[in-house]
Each structure stands twice: as structure tokens, then as C-alpha cells.
Amino acid sequence: MRKTLMGCMVVLSFAAMVSGGCAKKEVIKAEEPIAAVKAAPTTTKPESGNYEYRPETKLEQPRAAQPMTETPTTEAAIKQESPRESVSPQAANLENELQKIYFNFDSATLSDQARSALSKDAELLAKQPAVKLRIEGNCDERGSDEYNMALGERRAKAARDYLVNLGVSAERLSTISYGEEKPVDPGHSEEAWAKNRRDEFVIVK
């Protein structure tokens, strides 16, 4: 009897060991999928290098395109030249008779000689009251482009104002500045510069 009891205990002990081993294997198998789960990626600051760490942010939506405006140039600020219409032979002859006037260096003041020439021009214009005239101011090559454009405009306006005082209707007169762009003498001497500092008169209608 005692031997039988001992044998049963040995069998039970062996069975317990086998059961324990199986249970252990099952636990390990159940845990394997958990170990296989990967952690979500995280953004970390680089340990070295010239990089600036910035957390992820939502991309900014592109802004609506704004209409572009063009900045006017100095030339555009000057009164634009009126197109010249075909003129009658009488008007063409009048243009040839009109006298140019000349200015001193860096000046828009009318000299006595210029005033005398403008008085004769006013008499000629009075004979053809339907004619319209463009007064073109010019400069020599010295000075900046912007300065000469403004100086040429002052010279043209000085002649216009004088003709208006002499009785020529202001509606018949327009002005434009060419600055140093239209020299009559391309030289670089005092004689050439004196020829280029002038007002010219062009019949436009």
C-alpha cells in the first residue's frame, strides 16, 4: 500500500511538472505579439549639427495672389506727347516761321532775346487761331536725367505762360519735356550745349 501511494505521488509530481512547463510556454506565446508592437515614431532634437528643432505644425494655406501695380517712372510722370495730326500747308509754313528760344545754363528764365522771339511767335499764332501748338523743352547733357526732365518742363511752361500773357489761348498750347534726349548738336562743348538748351514749337493740329 505504501509503495502504491509513493508511486501515485511520483506520477502526480511528474504530471505537475509537465503542466507547469506547458503553462509557461503558453504564457510566453501569448506575450510575443505584445512585444512585437512598435512604438509610435516621435520627433526628437538631433544631437549634433546646425539644425533648428521645430515641432510639427500644420502647413499654412497659400495666400491669394495680390494684384501688382506698376510704379510710374519719371518719364511717365511727365506729360505725354500728343500725337501729331496731319496739318495744312499753311500750318506747316507757320511752324517753319516760329522761332526757337534758348536758355542760360541751369535756368528756365526767359532772356530778353527769348521774350522778343516769343512776341513775334504770338503775332504769327494770332493769324491762325485754329492752330494748336506743342512747346518742347530741352536741355544739354549735363545733370541727371531726372533733373533735366524737370528743367525742360519748366522751360516749356515758361514759354507757354509768356504766350498766354500775350493773348494766345492756353487751350491751344501744350508742353512736353525731352530733357537731354533730343540734342540738336551731339557735341560736348559750350557751343553745342548752348544750342541744346532750347524750346521748340511744333504744330499738332
Protein backbone atom coordinates (compact mmCIF):
# COMPACT_ATOMS: atom_id res chain seq x y z
CA MET A 1 0.00 0.00 0.00
CA ARG A 2 2.75 2.35 0.92
CA LYS A 3 4.56 1.61 -2.31
CA THR A 4 1.38 2.26 -4.25
CA LEU A 5 0.94 5.66 -2.50
CA MET A 6 4.53 6.63 -3.25
CA GLY A 7 4.09 5.70 -6.88
CA CYS A 8 0.97 7.87 -7.15
CA MET A 9 2.79 10.84 -5.62
CA VAL A 10 5.64 10.46 -8.12
CA VAL A 11 3.15 10.34 -11.00
CA LEU A 12 1.33 13.41 -9.71
CA SER A 13 4.58 15.29 -9.24
CA PHE A 14 5.64 14.46 -12.78
CA ALA A 15 2.25 15.49 -14.11
CA ALA A 16 2.50 18.79 -12.23
CA MET A 17 5.91 19.49 -13.75
CA VAL A 18 4.64 18.75 -17.24
CA SER A 19 1.59 21.02 -16.70
CA GLY A 20 3.76 23.83 -15.37
CA GLY A 21 6.05 23.65 -18.38
CA CYS A 22 3.14 23.79 -20.80
CA ALA A 23 1.57 26.73 -18.98
CA LYS A 24 4.87 28.59 -19.08
CA LYS A 25 5.19 28.00 -22.80
CA GLU A 26 1.62 29.24 -23.36
CA VAL A 27 2.28 32.42 -21.37
CA ILE A 28 5.37 33.17 -23.43
CA LYS A 29 3.48 32.59 -26.64
CA ALA A 30 0.69 34.94 -25.50
CA GLU A 31 3.18 37.70 -24.72
CA GLU A 32 5.09 37.52 -28.02
CA PRO A 33 2.61 39.63 -30.07
CA ILE A 34 2.70 42.37 -27.40
CA ALA A 35 6.50 42.62 -27.66
CA ALA A 36 6.18 42.89 -31.46
CA VAL A 37 4.10 46.14 -31.30
CA LYS A 38 6.21 49.12 -32.39
CA ALA A 39 6.08 52.40 -30.56
CA ALA A 40 4.73 55.42 -32.45
CA PRO A 41 7.55 57.50 -34.01
CA THR A 42 8.42 60.67 -32.16
CA THR A 43 10.31 63.71 -33.33
CA THR A 44 13.47 64.29 -31.35
CA LYS A 45 16.04 67.03 -31.49
CA PRO A 46 19.23 65.99 -33.32
CA GLU A 47 22.17 65.55 -31.02
CA SER A 48 24.58 67.40 -33.30
CA GLY A 49 24.65 69.56 -36.42
CA ASN A 50 23.37 73.04 -37.23
CA TYR A 51 19.70 72.15 -37.25
CA GLU A 52 16.90 74.02 -35.57
CA TYR A 53 14.31 71.80 -33.90
CA ARG A 54 10.77 72.71 -34.72
CA PRO A 55 7.66 70.73 -33.74
CA GLU A 56 5.37 69.63 -36.49
CA THR A 57 2.87 72.33 -37.44
CA LYS A 58 0.02 72.48 -39.88
CA LEU A 59 1.10 73.81 -43.26
CA GLU A 60 -0.09 77.34 -43.97
CA GLN A 61 -2.56 77.66 -46.78
CA PRO A 62 -1.20 79.68 -49.75
CA ARG A 63 -2.29 83.30 -49.76
CA ALA A 64 -4.43 84.62 -52.55
CA ALA A 65 -2.37 86.38 -55.21
CA GLN A 66 -2.45 90.15 -54.84
CA PRO A 67 -2.77 92.35 -57.95
CA MET A 68 0.51 94.00 -58.84
CA THR A 69 0.71 97.69 -59.50
CA GLU A 70 3.31 99.31 -61.60
CA THR A 71 5.33 102.15 -60.14
CA PRO A 72 5.32 105.10 -62.53
CA THR A 73 8.72 106.18 -63.85
CA THR A 74 9.96 109.73 -64.04
CA GLU A 75 9.25 109.79 -67.76
CA ALA A 76 5.66 108.64 -67.16
CA ALA A 77 5.18 111.48 -64.69
CA ILE A 78 5.98 114.00 -67.43
CA LYS A 79 3.08 114.93 -69.68
CA GLN A 80 2.95 112.54 -72.61
CA GLU A 81 3.44 113.75 -76.14
CA SER A 82 0.22 114.32 -78.06
CA PRO A 83 0.01 112.55 -81.41
CA ARG A 84 0.58 114.88 -84.32
CA GLU A 85 -2.23 115.09 -86.82
CA SER A 86 -1.74 115.98 -90.44
CA VAL A 87 -1.53 119.75 -90.76
CA SER A 88 -2.39 122.07 -93.59
CA PRO A 89 0.32 123.63 -95.75
CA GLN A 90 -0.39 126.97 -94.04
CA ALA A 91 0.18 125.41 -90.61
CA ALA A 92 3.38 123.74 -91.83
CA ASN A 93 4.64 127.09 -93.06
CA LEU A 94 3.74 128.65 -89.73
CA GLU A 95 5.82 126.06 -87.90
CA ASN A 96 8.84 126.95 -90.01
CA GLU A 97 8.38 130.64 -89.17
CA LEU A 98 8.12 130.13 -85.40
CA GLN A 99 11.37 131.00 -83.67
CA LYS A 100 13.11 128.74 -81.15
CA ILE A 101 14.18 130.27 -77.88
CA TYR A 102 17.32 129.48 -75.87
CA PHE A 103 18.21 129.46 -72.17
CA ASN A 104 21.22 130.02 -69.98
CA PHE A 105 22.82 127.10 -68.18
CA ASP A 106 20.59 125.57 -65.46
CA SER A 107 17.94 128.25 -65.98
CA ALA A 108 14.32 128.44 -67.09
CA THR A 109 14.24 132.24 -67.05
CA LEU A 110 13.36 133.93 -70.33
CA SER A 111 16.05 136.25 -71.63
CA ASP A 112 15.25 139.50 -73.44
CA GLN A 113 16.06 137.79 -76.71
CA ALA A 114 13.68 134.91 -75.87
CA ARG A 115 10.89 137.35 -74.98
CA SER A 116 11.36 139.16 -78.27
CA ALA A 117 11.16 135.88 -80.20
CA LEU A 118 8.02 134.83 -78.32
CA SER A 119 6.34 138.15 -79.13
CA LYS A 120 6.86 137.50 -82.84
CA ASP A 121 5.59 133.94 -82.41
CA ALA A 122 2.43 135.23 -80.72
CA GLU A 123 1.75 137.53 -83.69
CA LEU A 124 2.06 134.60 -86.09
CA LEU A 125 -0.24 132.42 -83.97
CA ALA A 126 -2.86 135.17 -83.87
CA LYS A 127 -3.18 134.91 -87.67
CA GLN A 128 -4.15 131.23 -87.44
CA PRO A 129 -6.34 130.92 -84.33
CA ALA A 130 -7.34 127.30 -85.07
CA VAL A 131 -3.76 126.04 -84.86
CA LYS A 132 -2.65 124.18 -81.74
CA LEU A 133 0.96 124.23 -80.63
CA ARG A 134 3.20 121.92 -78.60
CA ILE A 135 6.11 123.55 -76.78
CA GLU A 136 9.05 121.17 -76.33
CA GLY A 137 11.57 121.88 -73.56
CA ASN A 138 15.15 120.63 -73.98
CA CYS A 139 18.41 120.62 -72.01
CA ASP A 140 22.09 119.97 -72.56
CA GLU A 141 23.69 116.73 -71.41
CA ARG A 142 24.93 117.95 -68.04
CA GLY A 143 22.92 116.96 -64.97
CA SER A 144 20.96 113.82 -64.14
CA ASP A 145 18.16 112.54 -66.37
CA GLU A 146 15.53 113.29 -63.72
CA TYR A 147 16.79 116.83 -63.15
CA ASN A 148 16.94 117.63 -66.87
CA MET A 149 13.42 116.28 -67.41
CA ALA A 150 12.11 118.66 -64.76
CA LEU A 151 14.20 121.56 -66.09
CA GLY A 152 12.94 121.00 -69.64
CA GLU A 153 9.37 121.06 -68.37
CA ARG A 154 9.97 124.38 -66.56
CA ARG A 155 11.41 125.88 -69.73
CA ALA A 156 8.41 124.79 -71.80
CA LYS A 157 5.98 126.17 -69.23
CA ALA A 158 7.83 129.50 -69.10
CA ALA A 159 7.29 129.94 -72.84
CA ARG A 160 3.65 128.86 -72.59
CA ASP A 161 2.90 131.31 -69.79
CA TYR A 162 4.50 134.16 -71.72
CA LEU A 163 2.48 133.38 -74.86
CA VAL A 164 -0.72 133.26 -72.78
CA ASN A 165 0.11 136.71 -71.38
CA LEU A 166 0.48 137.90 -74.96
CA GLY A 167 -3.07 136.76 -75.76
CA VAL A 168 -2.61 133.20 -77.07
CA SER A 169 -5.34 130.91 -75.70
CA ALA A 170 -3.99 128.41 -73.16
CA GLU A 171 -6.21 125.73 -74.73
CA ARG A 172 -4.09 125.95 -77.88
CA LEU A 173 -0.85 125.26 -76.04
CA SER A 174 0.60 122.06 -74.57
CA THR A 175 4.03 121.32 -73.15
CA ILE A 176 6.41 118.39 -73.00
CA SER A 177 9.96 117.84 -71.76
CA TYR A 178 12.58 115.78 -73.53
CA GLY A 179 15.35 116.61 -71.08
CA GLU A 180 18.65 115.80 -72.77
CA GLU A 181 17.17 113.14 -75.07
CA LYS A 182 16.90 115.23 -78.27
CA PRO A 183 20.05 117.31 -78.75
CA VAL A 184 20.40 119.24 -82.00
CA ASP A 185 24.18 119.15 -81.59
CA PRO A 186 25.77 115.93 -80.23
CA GLY A 187 29.00 117.70 -79.33
CA HIS A 188 30.39 118.12 -75.83
CA SER A 189 31.43 121.76 -75.97
CA GLU A 190 29.95 125.02 -74.69
CA GLU A 191 28.83 125.83 -78.22
CA ALA A 192 26.93 122.53 -78.55
CA TRP A 193 25.40 122.83 -75.09
CA ALA A 194 24.13 126.35 -75.83
CA LYS A 195 22.27 125.04 -78.90
CA ASN A 196 20.64 122.24 -76.91
CA ARG A 197 19.23 124.44 -74.12
CA ARG A 198 16.11 125.44 -76.01
CA ASP A 199 12.35 125.43 -76.56
CA GLU A 200 10.98 124.29 -79.90
CA PHE A 201 7.45 124.82 -81.26
CA VAL A 202 5.55 122.11 -83.13
CA ILE A 203 2.12 122.41 -84.75
CA VAL A 204 -0.01 119.46 -83.64
CA LYS A 205 -3.31 120.39 -85.33
